[in-house]
Amino acid sequence: MSKYIENVNAYLSQKKIKQTFISMKTGIETSKLSRILNETQDITSVDMEKIAALLGKNIEYFLSENFQVDNIERDLKTEVAFYVGELGTEQVKFAMKLIDLIENIDEILSARGRLFKIGE
């Protein structure tokens, strides 16, 4: 197994990244990507660059003999987080109302037709 493919597979496994995601984001056909990662098809330098770039790394990162996936590292391309500081009483009340709205959105949308006579 080539060191690049071995390391990419370890990275994808550790980070729980699906092949379909890689395929969708890089434009590499799913079947081709599967053959590449199973080493039944040779990988081109273009495909190596696409995969590495998507994962936020360079090709050399995946060619390392002493490859280790850092568990602390976060993938900022697919993860969103923010901190708004400490919430005041009014902000907590508003947040709870939003959560209630989200939890009941199906009921709210289905009632729309009964509340508003659309098309009349």
PDB file of N, CA and C in Angstrom:
ATOM      1  N   MET A   1       0.855  -1.174   0.000  1.00  0.00           N
ATOM      2  CA  MET A   1       0.000   0.000   0.000  1.00  0.00           C
ATOM      3  C   MET A   1       0.898   1.232   0.000  1.00  0.00           C
ATOM      4  N   SER A   2       0.588   2.187  -0.852  1.00  0.00           N
ATOM      5  CA  SER A   2       1.406   3.393  -0.889  1.00  0.00           C
ATOM      6  C   SER A   2       1.225   4.175   0.409  1.00  0.00           C
ATOM      7  N   LYS A   3       2.269   4.840   0.802  1.00  0.00           N
ATOM      8  CA  LYS A   3       2.249   5.600   2.048  1.00  0.00           C
ATOM      9  C   LYS A   3       1.175   6.696   1.989  1.00  0.00           C
ATOM     10  N   TYR A   4       1.037   7.349   0.832  1.00  0.00           N
ATOM     11  CA  TYR A   4       0.031   8.404   0.695  1.00  0.00           C
ATOM     12  C   TYR A   4      -1.367   7.851   0.954  1.00  0.00           C
ATOM     13  N   ILE A   5      -1.734   6.766   0.285  1.00  0.00           N
ATOM     14  CA  ILE A   5      -3.067   6.178   0.426  1.00  0.00           C
ATOM     15  C   ILE A   5      -3.272   5.659   1.844  1.00  0.00           C
ATOM     16  N   GLU A   6      -2.276   5.017   2.392  1.00  0.00           N
ATOM     17  CA  GLU A   6      -2.361   4.506   3.771  1.00  0.00           C
ATOM     18  C   GLU A   6      -2.651   5.647   4.747  1.00  0.00           C
ATOM     19  N   ASN A   7      -1.938   6.751   4.593  1.00  0.00           N
ATOM     20  CA  ASN A   7      -2.116   7.888   5.497  1.00  0.00           C
ATOM     21  C   ASN A   7      -3.444   8.605   5.271  1.00  0.00           C
ATOM     22  N   VAL A   8      -3.855   8.740   4.022  1.00  0.00           N
ATOM     23  CA  VAL A   8      -5.153   9.364   3.739  1.00  0.00           C
ATOM     24  C   VAL A   8      -6.268   8.524   4.340  1.00  0.00           C
ATOM     25  N   ASN A   9      -6.200   7.213   4.157  1.00  0.00           N
ATOM     26  CA  ASN A   9      -7.227   6.326   4.731  1.00  0.00           C
ATOM     27  C   ASN A   9      -7.257   6.432   6.256  1.00  0.00           C
ATOM     28  N   ALA A  10      -6.086   6.502   6.886  1.00  0.00           N
ATOM     29  CA  ALA A  10      -6.027   6.658   8.344  1.00  0.00           C
ATOM     30  C   ALA A  10      -6.651   7.983   8.759  1.00  0.00           C
ATOM     31  N   TYR A  11      -6.354   9.034   8.022  1.00  0.00           N
ATOM     32  CA  TYR A  11      -6.889  10.369   8.319  1.00  0.00           C
ATOM     33  C   TYR A  11      -8.410  10.379   8.188  1.00  0.00           C
ATOM     34  N   LEU A  12      -8.912   9.838   7.077  1.00  0.00           N
ATOM     35  CA  LEU A  12     -10.359   9.799   6.852  1.00  0.00           C
ATOM     36  C   LEU A  12     -11.058   8.983   7.932  1.00  0.00           C
ATOM     37  N   SER A  13     -10.453   7.876   8.307  1.00  0.00           N
ATOM     38  CA  SER A  13     -11.035   7.022   9.346  1.00  0.00           C
ATOM     39  C   SER A  13     -11.064   7.736  10.692  1.00  0.00           C
ATOM     40  N   GLN A  14      -9.950   8.320  11.063  1.00  0.00           N
ATOM     41  CA  GLN A  14      -9.842   9.009  12.356  1.00  0.00           C
ATOM     42  C   GLN A  14     -10.790  10.209  12.433  1.00  0.00           C
ATOM     43  N   LYS A  15     -10.883  10.957  11.345  1.00  0.00           N
ATOM     44  CA  LYS A  15     -11.727  12.154  11.327  1.00  0.00           C
ATOM     45  C   LYS A  15     -13.177  11.854  10.954  1.00  0.00           C
ATOM     46  N   LYS A  16     -13.440  10.566  10.634  1.00  0.00           N
ATOM     47  CA  LYS A  16     -14.795  10.122  10.267  1.00  0.00           C
ATOM     48  C   LYS A  16     -15.325  10.896   9.057  1.00  0.00           C
ATOM     49  N   ILE A  17     -14.465  11.031   8.061  1.00  0.00           N
ATOM     50  CA  ILE A  17     -14.825  11.707   6.815  1.00  0.00           C
ATOM     51  C   ILE A  17     -15.185  10.632   5.797  1.00  0.00           C
ATOM     52  N   LYS A  18     -16.327  10.777   5.181  1.00  0.00           N
ATOM     53  CA  LYS A  18     -16.830   9.794   4.226  1.00  0.00           C
ATOM     54  C   LYS A  18     -16.246  10.032   2.835  1.00  0.00           C
ATOM     55  N   GLN A  19     -16.093   8.933   2.094  1.00  0.00           N
ATOM     56  CA  GLN A  19     -15.598   9.019   0.731  1.00  0.00           C
ATOM     57  C   GLN A  19     -16.537   9.846  -0.145  1.00  0.00           C
ATOM     58  N   THR A  20     -17.835   9.757   0.116  1.00  0.00           N
ATOM     59  CA  THR A  20     -18.797  10.516  -0.688  1.00  0.00           C
ATOM     60  C   THR A  20     -18.575  12.022  -0.528  1.00  0.00           C
ATOM     61  N   PHE A  21     -18.198  12.450   0.665  1.00  0.00           N
ATOM     62  CA  PHE A  21     -17.894  13.859   0.911  1.00  0.00           C
ATOM     63  C   PHE A  21     -16.670  14.272   0.099  1.00  0.00           C
ATOM     64  N   ILE A  22     -15.628  13.445   0.147  1.00  0.00           N
ATOM     65  CA  ILE A  22     -14.398  13.728  -0.605  1.00  0.00           C
ATOM     66  C   ILE A  22     -14.719  13.816  -2.088  1.00  0.00           C
ATOM     67  N   SER A  23     -15.488  12.869  -2.579  1.00  0.00           N
ATOM     68  CA  SER A  23     -15.866  12.830  -3.993  1.00  0.00           C
ATOM     69  C   SER A  23     -16.640  14.081  -4.389  1.00  0.00           C
ATOM     70  N   MET A  24     -17.614  14.441  -3.590  1.00  0.00           N
ATOM     71  CA  MET A  24     -18.455  15.592  -3.888  1.00  0.00           C
ATOM     72  C   MET A  24     -17.633  16.882  -3.924  1.00  0.00           C
ATOM     73  N   LYS A  25     -16.738  17.054  -2.963  1.00  0.00           N
ATOM     74  CA  LYS A  25     -15.978  18.298  -2.846  1.00  0.00           C
ATOM     75  C   LYS A  25     -14.814  18.397  -3.835  1.00  0.00           C
ATOM     76  N   THR A  26     -14.237  17.245  -4.233  1.00  0.00           N
ATOM     77  CA  THR A  26     -13.086  17.278  -5.139  1.00  0.00           C
ATOM     78  C   THR A  26     -13.479  17.109  -6.597  1.00  0.00           C
ATOM     79  N   GLY A  27     -14.671  16.556  -6.848  1.00  0.00           N
ATOM     80  CA  GLY A  27     -15.083  16.291  -8.218  1.00  0.00           C
ATOM     81  C   GLY A  27     -14.582  14.953  -8.738  1.00  0.00           C
ATOM     82  N   ILE A  28     -13.914  14.187  -7.896  1.00  0.00           N
ATOM     83  CA  ILE A  28     -13.460  12.848  -8.281  1.00  0.00           C
ATOM     84  C   ILE A  28     -14.660  11.914  -8.168  1.00  0.00           C
ATOM     85  N   GLU A  29     -14.948  11.163  -9.221  1.00  0.00           N
ATOM     86  CA  GLU A  29     -16.095  10.250  -9.187  1.00  0.00           C
ATOM     87  C   GLU A  29     -15.981   9.298  -7.996  1.00  0.00           C
ATOM     88  N   THR A  30     -17.119   8.982  -7.396  1.00  0.00           N
ATOM     89  CA  THR A  30     -17.148   8.124  -6.215  1.00  0.00           C
ATOM     90  C   THR A  30     -16.497   6.775  -6.487  1.00  0.00           C
ATOM     91  N   SER A  31     -16.815   6.169  -7.616  1.00  0.00           N
ATOM     92  CA  SER A  31     -16.257   4.858  -7.939  1.00  0.00           C
ATOM     93  C   SER A  31     -14.744   4.939  -8.139  1.00  0.00           C
ATOM     94  N   LYS A  32     -14.287   6.005  -8.789  1.00  0.00           N
ATOM     95  CA  LYS A  32     -12.850   6.191  -8.989  1.00  0.00           C
ATOM     96  C   LYS A  32     -12.142   6.397  -7.657  1.00  0.00           C
ATOM     97  N   LEU A  33     -12.729   7.227  -6.791  1.00  0.00           N
ATOM     98  CA  LEU A  33     -12.131   7.476  -5.485  1.00  0.00           C
ATOM     99  C   LEU A  33     -12.043   6.191  -4.677  1.00  0.00           C
ATOM    100  N   SER A  34     -13.083   5.381  -4.744  1.00  0.00           N
ATOM    101  CA  SER A  34     -13.075   4.100  -4.032  1.00  0.00           C
ATOM    102  C   SER A  34     -11.942   3.209  -4.543  1.00  0.00           C
ATOM    103  N   ARG A  35     -11.777   3.154  -5.861  1.00  0.00           N
ATOM    104  CA  ARG A  35     -10.689   2.341  -6.435  1.00  0.00           C
ATOM    105  C   ARG A  35      -9.334   2.889  -6.019  1.00  0.00           C
ATOM    106  N   ILE A  36      -9.206   4.210  -5.980  1.00  0.00           N
ATOM    107  CA  ILE A  36      -7.938   4.824  -5.560  1.00  0.00           C
ATOM    108  C   ILE A  36      -7.630   4.466  -4.114  1.00  0.00           C
ATOM    109  N   LEU A  37      -8.622   4.626  -3.232  1.00  0.00           N
ATOM    110  CA  LEU A  37      -8.390   4.381  -1.802  1.00  0.00           C
ATOM    111  C   LEU A  37      -8.238   2.897  -1.481  1.00  0.00           C
ATOM    112  N   ASN A  38      -8.720   2.031  -2.375  1.00  0.00           N
ATOM    113  CA  ASN A  38      -8.518   0.584  -2.217  1.00  0.00           C
ATOM    114  C   ASN A  38      -7.298   0.112  -3.008  1.00  0.00           C
ATOM    115  N   GLU A  39      -6.622   1.052  -3.648  1.00  0.00           N
ATOM    116  CA  GLU A  39      -5.416   0.827  -4.436  1.00  0.00           C
ATOM    117  C   GLU A  39      -5.598  -0.162  -5.580  1.00  0.00           C
ATOM    118  N   THR A  40      -6.776  -0.160  -6.171  1.00  0.00           N
ATOM    119  CA  THR A  40      -6.966  -0.929  -7.396  1.00  0.00           C
ATOM    120  C   THR A  40      -6.803  -0.026  -8.611  1.00  0.00           C
ATOM    121  N   GLN A  41      -6.653   1.282  -8.372  1.00  0.00           N
ATOM    122  CA  GLN A  41      -6.366   2.254  -9.428  1.00  0.00           C
ATOM    123  C   GLN A  41      -5.282   3.177  -8.916  1.00  0.00           C
ATOM    124  N   ASP A  42      -4.321   3.469  -9.786  1.00  0.00           N
ATOM    125  CA  ASP A  42      -3.251   4.387  -9.414  1.00  0.00           C
ATOM    126  C   ASP A  42      -3.809   5.796  -9.244  1.00  0.00           C
ATOM    127  N   ILE A  43      -3.219   6.518  -8.315  1.00  0.00           N
ATOM    128  CA  ILE A  43      -3.633   7.898  -8.066  1.00  0.00           C
ATOM    129  C   ILE A  43      -2.705   8.835  -8.826  1.00  0.00           C
ATOM    130  N   THR A  44      -3.278   9.869  -9.412  1.00  0.00           N
ATOM    131  CA  THR A  44      -2.474  10.866 -10.124  1.00  0.00           C
ATOM    132  C   THR A  44      -2.064  11.963  -9.155  1.00  0.00           C
ATOM    133  N   SER A  45      -1.076  12.735  -9.554  1.00  0.00           N
ATOM    134  CA  SER A  45      -0.640  13.845  -8.700  1.00  0.00           C
ATOM    135  C   SER A  45      -1.753  14.895  -8.588  1.00  0.00           C
ATOM    136  N   VAL A  46      -2.564  15.030  -9.632  1.00  0.00           N
ATOM    137  CA  VAL A  46      -3.681  15.983  -9.593  1.00  0.00           C
ATOM    138  C   VAL A  46      -4.698  15.554  -8.532  1.00  0.00           C
ATOM    139  N   ASP A  47      -5.032  14.244  -8.517  1.00  0.00           N
ATOM    140  CA  ASP A  47      -5.976  13.743  -7.515  1.00  0.00           C
ATOM    141  C   ASP A  47      -5.391  13.825  -6.110  1.00  0.00           C
ATOM    142  N   MET A  48      -4.080  13.577  -5.988  1.00  0.00           N
ATOM    143  CA  MET A  48      -3.431  13.705  -4.681  1.00  0.00           C
ATOM    144  C   MET A  48      -3.558  15.137  -4.172  1.00  0.00           C
ATOM    145  N   GLU A  49      -3.335  16.086  -5.053  1.00  0.00           N
ATOM    146  CA  GLU A  49      -3.413  17.504  -4.677  1.00  0.00           C
ATOM    147  C   GLU A  49      -4.834  17.892  -4.304  1.00  0.00           C
ATOM    148  N   LYS A  50      -5.829  17.411  -5.056  1.00  0.00           N
ATOM    149  CA  LYS A  50      -7.229  17.726  -4.759  1.00  0.00           C
ATOM    150  C   LYS A  50      -7.625  17.216  -3.369  1.00  0.00           C
ATOM    151  N   ILE A  51      -7.259  15.975  -3.083  1.00  0.00           N
ATOM    152  CA  ILE A  51      -7.619  15.364  -1.798  1.00  0.00           C
ATOM    153  C   ILE A  51      -6.917  16.083  -0.650  1.00  0.00           C
ATOM    154  N   ALA A  52      -5.618  16.294  -0.796  1.00  0.00           N
ATOM    155  CA  ALA A  52      -4.850  16.965   0.262  1.00  0.00           C
ATOM    156  C   ALA A  52      -5.375  18.380   0.508  1.00  0.00           C
ATOM    157  N   ALA A  53      -5.638  19.113  -0.573  1.00  0.00           N
ATOM    158  CA  ALA A  53      -6.125  20.494  -0.435  1.00  0.00           C
ATOM    159  C   ALA A  53      -7.474  20.525   0.261  1.00  0.00           C
ATOM    160  N   LEU A  54      -8.365  19.610  -0.103  1.00  0.00           N
ATOM    161  CA  LEU A  54      -9.671  19.562   0.546  1.00  0.00           C
ATOM    162  C   LEU A  54      -9.528  19.332   2.046  1.00  0.00           C
ATOM    163  N   LEU A  55      -8.585  18.485   2.415  1.00  0.00           N
ATOM    164  CA  LEU A  55      -8.384  18.164   3.827  1.00  0.00           C
ATOM    165  C   LEU A  55      -7.535  19.215   4.540  1.00  0.00           C
ATOM    166  N   GLY A  56      -7.185  20.280   3.823  1.00  0.00           N
ATOM    167  CA  GLY A  56      -6.442  21.379   4.435  1.00  0.00           C
ATOM    168  C   GLY A  56      -4.976  21.070   4.667  1.00  0.00           C
ATOM    169  N   LYS A  57      -4.440  20.167   3.893  1.00  0.00           N
ATOM    170  CA  LYS A  57      -3.043  19.744   4.049  1.00  0.00           C
ATOM    171  C   LYS A  57      -2.344  19.840   2.703  1.00  0.00           C
ATOM    172  N   ASN A  58      -1.031  19.612   2.709  1.00  0.00           N
ATOM    173  CA  ASN A  58      -0.299  19.485   1.462  1.00  0.00           C
ATOM    174  C   ASN A  58       0.022  18.001   1.245  1.00  0.00           C
ATOM    175  N   ILE A  59       0.448  17.670   0.055  1.00  0.00           N
ATOM    176  CA  ILE A  59       0.725  16.267  -0.281  1.00  0.00           C
ATOM    177  C   ILE A  59       1.771  15.682   0.662  1.00  0.00           C
ATOM    178  N   GLU A  60       2.783  16.451   0.984  1.00  0.00           N
ATOM    179  CA  GLU A  60       3.874  15.962   1.831  1.00  0.00           C
ATOM    180  C   GLU A  60       3.375  15.487   3.199  1.00  0.00           C
ATOM    181  N   TYR A  61       2.331  16.123   3.705  1.00  0.00           N
ATOM    182  CA  TYR A  61       1.759  15.722   4.994  1.00  0.00           C
ATOM    183  C   TYR A  61       1.358  14.247   4.966  1.00  0.00           C
ATOM    184  N   PHE A  62       0.764  13.812   3.850  1.00  0.00           N
ATOM    185  CA  PHE A  62       0.292  12.436   3.743  1.00  0.00           C
ATOM    186  C   PHE A  62       1.380  11.466   3.278  1.00  0.00           C
ATOM    187  N   LEU A  63       2.562  11.963   2.960  1.00  0.00           N
ATOM    188  CA  LEU A  63       3.672  11.096   2.566  1.00  0.00           C
ATOM    189  C   LEU A  63       4.608  10.794   3.728  1.00  0.00           C
ATOM    190  N   SER A  64       4.339  11.356   4.880  1.00  0.00           N
ATOM    191  CA  SER A  64       5.199  11.193   6.049  1.00  0.00           C
ATOM    192  C   SER A  64       5.291   9.734   6.493  1.00  0.00           C
ATOM    193  N   GLU A  65       6.489   9.298   6.803  1.00  0.00           N
ATOM    194  CA  GLU A  65       6.698   7.930   7.307  1.00  0.00           C
ATOM    195  C   GLU A  65       6.166   7.782   8.729  1.00  0.00           C
ATOM    196  N   ASN A  66       6.245   8.843   9.521  1.00  0.00           N
ATOM    197  CA  ASN A  66       5.788   8.821  10.916  1.00  0.00           C
ATOM    198  C   ASN A  66       4.463   9.559  11.047  1.00  0.00           C
ATOM    199  N   PHE A  67       3.505   9.195  10.217  1.00  0.00           N
ATOM    200  CA  PHE A  67       2.221   9.897  10.136  1.00  0.00           C
ATOM    201  C   PHE A  67       1.382   9.654  11.384  1.00  0.00           C
ATOM    202  N   GLN A  68       0.864  10.743  11.936  1.00  0.00           N
ATOM    203  CA  GLN A  68      -0.069  10.668  13.053  1.00  0.00           C
ATOM    204  C   GLN A  68      -1.136  11.729  12.859  1.00  0.00           C
ATOM    205  N   VAL A  69      -2.384  11.346  13.114  1.00  0.00           N
ATOM    206  CA  VAL A  69      -3.490  12.287  13.002  1.00  0.00           C
ATOM    207  C   VAL A  69      -3.661  12.965  14.349  1.00  0.00           C
ATOM    208  N   ASP A  70      -3.626  14.287  14.326  1.00  0.00           N
ATOM    209  CA  ASP A  70      -3.790  15.066  15.547  1.00  0.00           C
ATOM    210  C   ASP A  70      -5.271  15.142  15.886  1.00  0.00           C
ATOM    211  N   ASN A  71      -5.674  14.613  17.030  1.00  0.00           N
ATOM    212  CA  ASN A  71      -7.081  14.595  17.429  1.00  0.00           C
ATOM    213  C   ASN A  71      -7.608  15.974  17.812  1.00  0.00           C
ATOM    214  N   ILE A  72      -6.735  16.883  18.194  1.00  0.00           N
ATOM    215  CA  ILE A  72      -7.165  18.195  18.649  1.00  0.00           C
ATOM    216  C   ILE A  72      -7.509  19.097  17.469  1.00  0.00           C
ATOM    217  N   GLU A  73      -6.884  18.850  16.354  1.00  0.00           N
ATOM    218  CA  GLU A  73      -7.093  19.678  15.171  1.00  0.00           C
ATOM    219  C   GLU A  73      -8.553  19.659  14.742  1.00  0.00           C
ATOM    220  N   ARG A  74      -9.049  20.779  14.332  1.00  0.00           N
ATOM    221  CA  ARG A  74     -10.437  20.876  13.881  1.00  0.00           C
ATOM    222  C   ARG A  74     -10.466  21.257  12.416  1.00  0.00           C
ATOM    223  N   ASP A  75     -11.421  20.713  11.716  1.00  0.00           N
ATOM    224  CA  ASP A  75     -11.594  21.027  10.310  1.00  0.00           C
ATOM    225  C   ASP A  75     -12.549  22.203  10.204  1.00  0.00           C
ATOM    226  N   LEU A  76     -12.006  23.385   9.979  1.00  0.00           N
ATOM    227  CA  LEU A  76     -12.817  24.590   9.965  1.00  0.00           C
ATOM    228  C   LEU A  76     -13.625  24.740   8.687  1.00  0.00           C
ATOM    229  N   LYS A  77     -13.367  23.908   7.672  1.00  0.00           N
ATOM    230  CA  LYS A  77     -14.144  23.979   6.444  1.00  0.00           C
ATOM    231  C   LYS A  77     -15.536  23.418   6.638  1.00  0.00           C
ATOM    232  N   THR A  78     -15.698  22.513   7.583  1.00  0.00           N
ATOM    233  CA  THR A  78     -16.992  21.861   7.755  1.00  0.00           C
ATOM    234  C   THR A  78     -17.576  22.038   9.143  1.00  0.00           C
ATOM    235  N   GLU A  79     -16.942  22.830   9.956  1.00  0.00           N
ATOM    236  CA  GLU A  79     -17.398  22.989  11.327  1.00  0.00           C
ATOM    237  C   GLU A  79     -17.551  24.470  11.654  1.00  0.00           C
ATOM    238  N   VAL A  80     -18.650  24.818  12.291  1.00  0.00           N
ATOM    239  CA  VAL A  80     -18.898  26.203  12.661  1.00  0.00           C
ATOM    240  C   VAL A  80     -19.130  26.262  14.167  1.00  0.00           C
ATOM    241  N   ALA A  81     -18.471  27.176  14.815  1.00  0.00           N
ATOM    242  CA  ALA A  81     -18.664  27.367  16.253  1.00  0.00           C
ATOM    243  C   ALA A  81     -18.459  28.840  16.553  1.00  0.00           C
ATOM    244  N   PHE A  82     -19.148  29.317  17.576  1.00  0.00           N
ATOM    245  CA  PHE A  82     -18.953  30.690  17.977  1.00  0.00           C
ATOM    246  C   PHE A  82     -19.290  30.833  19.457  1.00  0.00           C
ATOM    247  N   TYR A  83     -18.786  31.894  20.042  1.00  0.00           N
ATOM    248  CA  TYR A  83     -19.023  32.178  21.446  1.00  0.00           C
ATOM    249  C   TYR A  83     -19.607  33.571  21.535  1.00  0.00           C
ATOM    250  N   VAL A  84     -20.739  33.696  22.181  1.00  0.00           N
ATOM    251  CA  VAL A  84     -21.403  34.997  22.278  1.00  0.00           C
ATOM    252  C   VAL A  84     -21.228  35.633  23.641  1.00  0.00           C
ATOM    253  N   GLY A  85     -20.487  35.021  24.509  1.00  0.00           N
ATOM    254  CA  GLY A  85     -20.307  35.566  25.846  1.00  0.00           C
ATOM    255  C   GLY A  85     -21.386  35.049  26.785  1.00  0.00           C
ATOM    256  N   GLU A  86     -21.423  35.617  27.968  1.00  0.00           N
ATOM    257  CA  GLU A  86     -22.424  35.211  28.957  1.00  0.00           C
ATOM    258  C   GLU A  86     -23.767  35.836  28.606  1.00  0.00           C
ATOM    259  N   LEU A  87     -24.812  35.023  28.640  1.00  0.00           N
ATOM    260  CA  LEU A  87     -26.146  35.509  28.297  1.00  0.00           C
ATOM    261  C   LEU A  87     -26.828  36.134  29.504  1.00  0.00           C
ATOM    262  N   GLY A  88     -27.536  37.225  29.236  1.00  0.00           N
ATOM    263  CA  GLY A  88     -28.349  37.859  30.261  1.00  0.00           C
ATOM    264  C   GLY A  88     -29.695  37.146  30.347  1.00  0.00           C
ATOM    265  N   THR A  89     -30.511  37.524  31.312  1.00  0.00           N
ATOM    266  CA  THR A  89     -31.815  36.901  31.528  1.00  0.00           C
ATOM    267  C   THR A  89     -32.701  37.000  30.296  1.00  0.00           C
ATOM    268  N   GLU A  90     -32.767  38.182  29.695  1.00  0.00           N
ATOM    269  CA  GLU A  90     -33.603  38.381  28.509  1.00  0.00           C
ATOM    270  C   GLU A  90     -33.109  37.545  27.334  1.00  0.00           C
ATOM    271  N   GLN A  91     -31.810  37.432  27.191  1.00  0.00           N
ATOM    272  CA  GLN A  91     -31.249  36.633  26.103  1.00  0.00           C
ATOM    273  C   GLN A  91     -31.559  35.148  26.296  1.00  0.00           C
ATOM    274  N   VAL A  92     -31.522  34.690  27.521  1.00  0.00           N
ATOM    275  CA  VAL A  92     -31.863  33.294  27.805  1.00  0.00           C
ATOM    276  C   VAL A  92     -33.326  33.029  27.467  1.00  0.00           C
ATOM    277  N   LYS A  93     -34.216  33.951  27.845  1.00  0.00           N
ATOM    278  CA  LYS A  93     -35.644  33.797  27.535  1.00  0.00           C
ATOM    279  C   LYS A  93     -35.850  33.739  26.021  1.00  0.00           C
ATOM    280  N   PHE A  94     -35.191  34.634  25.303  1.00  0.00           N
ATOM    281  CA  PHE A  94     -35.315  34.668  23.849  1.00  0.00           C
ATOM    282  C   PHE A  94     -34.777  33.378  23.224  1.00  0.00           C
ATOM    283  N   ALA A  95     -33.644  32.914  23.708  1.00  0.00           N
ATOM    284  CA  ALA A  95     -33.050  31.669  23.195  1.00  0.00           C
ATOM    285  C   ALA A  95     -33.990  30.488  23.427  1.00  0.00           C
ATOM    286  N   MET A  96     -34.630  30.431  24.575  1.00  0.00           N
ATOM    287  CA  MET A  96     -35.562  29.343  24.881  1.00  0.00           C
ATOM    288  C   MET A  96     -36.772  29.395  23.950  1.00  0.00           C
ATOM    289  N   LYS A  97     -37.236  30.601  23.623  1.00  0.00           N
ATOM    290  CA  LYS A  97     -38.348  30.744  22.674  1.00  0.00           C
ATOM    291  C   LYS A  97     -37.938  30.254  21.286  1.00  0.00           C
ATOM    292  N   LEU A  98     -36.712  30.553  20.894  1.00  0.00           N
ATOM    293  CA  LEU A  98     -36.214  30.071  19.598  1.00  0.00           C
ATOM    294  C   LEU A  98     -36.118  28.549  19.560  1.00  0.00           C
ATOM    295  N   ILE A  99     -35.642  27.972  20.632  1.00  0.00           N
ATOM    296  CA  ILE A  99     -35.550  26.512  20.713  1.00  0.00           C
ATOM    297  C   ILE A  99     -36.934  25.895  20.634  1.00  0.00           C
ATOM    298  N   ASP A 100     -37.890  26.485  21.329  1.00  0.00           N
ATOM    299  CA  ASP A 100     -39.274  26.002  21.281  1.00  0.00           C
ATOM    300  C   ASP A 100     -39.823  26.102  19.861  1.00  0.00           C
ATOM    301  N   LEU A 101     -39.535  27.210  19.182  1.00  0.00           N
ATOM    302  CA  LEU A 101     -39.979  27.393  17.803  1.00  0.00           C
ATOM    303  C   LEU A 101     -39.388  26.305  16.903  1.00  0.00           C
ATOM    304  N   ILE A 102     -38.104  26.062  17.027  1.00  0.00           N
ATOM    305  CA  ILE A 102     -37.436  25.057  16.198  1.00  0.00           C
ATOM    306  C   ILE A 102     -38.001  23.665  16.462  1.00  0.00           C
ATOM    307  N   GLU A 103     -38.245  23.342  17.714  1.00  0.00           N
ATOM    308  CA  GLU A 103     -38.776  22.027  18.057  1.00  0.00           C
ATOM    309  C   GLU A 103     -40.185  21.816  17.515  1.00  0.00           C
ATOM    310  N   ASN A 104     -40.918  22.901  17.306  1.00  0.00           N
ATOM    311  CA  ASN A 104     -42.314  22.797  16.862  1.00  0.00           C
ATOM    312  C   ASN A 104     -42.531  23.331  15.452  1.00  0.00           C
ATOM    313  N   ILE A 105     -41.494  23.471  14.662  1.00  0.00           N
ATOM    314  CA  ILE A 105     -41.621  24.092  13.350  1.00  0.00           C
ATOM    315  C   ILE A 105     -42.562  23.318  12.428  1.00  0.00           C
ATOM    316  N   ASP A 106     -42.577  21.986  12.496  1.00  0.00           N
ATOM    317  CA  ASP A 106     -43.481  21.201  11.654  1.00  0.00           C
ATOM    318  C   ASP A 106     -44.936  21.543  11.936  1.00  0.00           C
ATOM    319  N   GLU A 107     -45.282  21.632  13.211  1.00  0.00           N
ATOM    320  CA  GLU A 107     -46.656  21.973  13.577  1.00  0.00           C
ATOM    321  C   GLU A 107     -47.010  23.389  13.124  1.00  0.00           C
ATOM    322  N   ILE A 108     -46.074  24.294  13.263  1.00  0.00           N
ATOM    323  CA  ILE A 108     -46.311  25.680  12.878  1.00  0.00           C
ATOM    324  C   ILE A 108     -46.539  25.776  11.370  1.00  0.00           C
ATOM    325  N   LEU A 109     -45.710  25.104  10.592  1.00  0.00           N
ATOM    326  CA  LEU A 109     -45.852  25.166   9.142  1.00  0.00           C
ATOM    327  C   LEU A 109     -47.120  24.472   8.658  1.00  0.00           C
ATOM    328  N   SER A 110     -47.503  23.375   9.294  1.00  0.00           N
ATOM    329  CA  SER A 110     -48.726  22.688   8.869  1.00  0.00           C
ATOM    330  C   SER A 110     -49.974  23.502   9.238  1.00  0.00           C
ATOM    331  N   ALA A 111     -49.903  24.321  10.269  1.00  0.00           N
ATOM    332  CA  ALA A 111     -51.044  25.146  10.680  1.00  0.00           C
ATOM    333  C   ALA A 111     -51.199  26.371   9.797  1.00  0.00           C
ATOM    334  N   ARG A 112     -50.180  26.712   9.052  1.00  0.00           N
ATOM    335  CA  ARG A 112     -50.224  27.906   8.212  1.00  0.00           C
ATOM    336  C   ARG A 112     -51.417  27.887   7.257  1.00  0.00           C
ATOM    337  N   GLY A 113     -51.681  26.736   6.654  1.00  0.00           N
ATOM    338  CA  GLY A 113     -52.802  26.619   5.720  1.00  0.00           C
ATOM    339  C   GLY A 113     -54.147  26.845   6.388  1.00  0.00           C
ATOM    340  N   ARG A 114     -54.254  26.444   7.661  1.00  0.00           N
ATOM    341  CA  ARG A 114     -55.518  26.643   8.390  1.00  0.00           C
ATOM    342  C   ARG A 114     -55.687  28.077   8.853  1.00  0.00           C
ATOM    343  N   LEU A 115     -54.588  28.732   9.170  1.00  0.00           N
ATOM    344  CA  LEU A 115     -54.657  30.092   9.688  1.00  0.00           C
ATOM    345  C   LEU A 115     -54.843  31.134   8.586  1.00  0.00           C
ATOM    346  N   PHE A 116     -54.194  30.902   7.484  1.00  0.00           N
ATOM    347  CA  PHE A 116     -54.251  31.853   6.364  1.00  0.00           C
ATOM    348  C   PHE A 116     -54.819  31.136   5.169  1.00  0.00           C
ATOM    349  N   LYS A 117     -55.852  31.644   4.638  1.00  0.00           N
ATOM    350  CA  LYS A 117     -56.457  31.026   3.468  1.00  0.00           C
ATOM    351  C   LYS A 117     -55.677  31.476   2.246  1.00  0.00           C
ATOM    352  N   ILE A 118     -54.679  30.690   1.948  1.00  0.00           N
ATOM    353  CA  ILE A 118     -53.757  31.005   0.846  1.00  0.00           C
ATOM    354  C   ILE A 118     -54.489  30.819  -0.481  1.00  0.00           C
ATOM    355  N   GLY A 119     -54.344  31.788  -1.353  1.00  0.00           N
ATOM    356  CA  GLY A 119     -54.934  31.717  -2.675  1.00  0.00           C
ATOM    357  C   GLY A 119     -56.344  32.303  -2.750  1.00  0.00           C
ATOM    358  N   GLU A 120     -56.853  32.784  -1.665  1.00  0.00           N
ATOM    359  CA  GLU A 120     -58.212  33.358  -1.697  1.00  0.00           C
ATOM    360  C   GLU A 120     -58.141  34.857  -1.673  1.00  0.00           C
TER     361      GLU A 120
END
